[in-house]
Amino acid sequence: MRINRLFQIMKQFRRETKGAVFVEYLLLLTIVGIGAIAGLATVRGALIGELFDLAEAISAISP
């Protein structure tokens, strides 16, 4: 009887653990996604600045 109860407790723990692991992966994915968006926004700003500098340099060359 005690062995059956032990198996039930282990099954319940496994189900709860799977949910916790899913939440951890979801949190990690959210943090990585936010970091990627912030990084891409920074790269976009730097690229636009470089392209404006290039346009000014080309305008200075052309008469």
Protein backbone atom coordinates (compact mmCIF):
# COMPACT_ATOMS: atom_id res chain seq x y z
CA MET A 1 0.00 0.00 0.00
CA ARG A 2 2.79 2.41 0.84
CA ILE A 3 4.57 1.63 -2.43
CA ASN A 4 1.49 2.64 -4.44
CA ARG A 5 1.29 5.90 -2.49
CA LEU A 6 4.98 6.51 -3.15
CA PHE A 7 4.48 5.98 -6.89
CA GLN A 8 1.53 8.37 -6.87
CA ILE A 9 3.63 11.01 -5.16
CA MET A 10 6.44 10.49 -7.67
CA LYS A 11 4.03 10.81 -10.63
CA GLN A 12 2.58 14.00 -9.19
CA PHE A 13 6.06 15.41 -8.60
CA ARG A 14 7.04 14.59 -12.19
CA ARG A 15 3.97 16.42 -13.55
CA GLU A 16 4.70 19.45 -11.38
CA THR A 17 8.36 19.43 -12.40
CA LYS A 18 7.50 19.36 -16.10
CA GLY A 19 5.37 22.46 -15.63
CA ALA A 20 8.16 24.22 -13.76
CA VAL A 21 10.69 23.39 -16.47
CA PHE A 22 8.31 24.74 -19.11
CA VAL A 23 7.94 27.99 -17.19
CA GLU A 24 11.72 28.29 -16.86
CA TYR A 25 12.21 27.76 -20.59
CA LEU A 26 9.47 30.28 -21.33
CA LEU A 27 11.12 32.85 -19.07
CA LEU A 28 14.51 32.23 -20.67
CA LEU A 29 13.04 32.57 -24.16
CA THR A 30 11.34 35.82 -23.18
CA ILE A 31 14.57 37.29 -21.83
CA VAL A 32 16.51 36.24 -24.94
CA GLY A 33 13.79 37.71 -27.16
CA ILE A 34 13.85 41.05 -25.37
CA GLY A 35 17.65 41.11 -25.59
CA ALA A 36 17.54 40.34 -29.31
CA ILE A 37 15.03 43.13 -29.94
CA ALA A 38 17.13 45.62 -27.98
CA GLY A 39 20.30 44.53 -29.79
CA LEU A 40 18.68 44.81 -33.21
CA ALA A 41 17.36 48.27 -32.36
CA THR A 42 20.89 49.35 -31.43
CA VAL A 43 22.34 47.90 -34.63
CA ARG A 44 19.62 49.64 -36.65
CA GLY A 45 20.49 53.00 -35.10
CA ALA A 46 24.21 52.55 -35.73
CA LEU A 47 23.60 51.44 -39.32
CA ILE A 48 21.40 54.44 -40.06
CA GLY A 49 24.09 56.73 -38.65
CA GLU A 50 26.76 55.13 -40.83
CA LEU A 51 24.58 55.38 -43.91
CA PHE A 52 23.96 59.08 -43.26
CA ASP A 53 27.73 59.60 -42.92
CA LEU A 54 28.25 57.75 -46.20
CA ALA A 55 25.61 59.88 -47.92
CA GLU A 56 27.29 63.07 -46.68
CA ALA A 57 30.67 61.84 -47.93
CA ILE A 58 29.25 61.04 -51.36
CA SER A 59 27.51 64.43 -51.48
CA ALA A 60 30.79 66.17 -50.65
CA ILE A 61 32.55 64.39 -53.55
CA SER A 62 29.93 65.19 -56.18
CA PRO A 63 29.95 68.76 -57.51
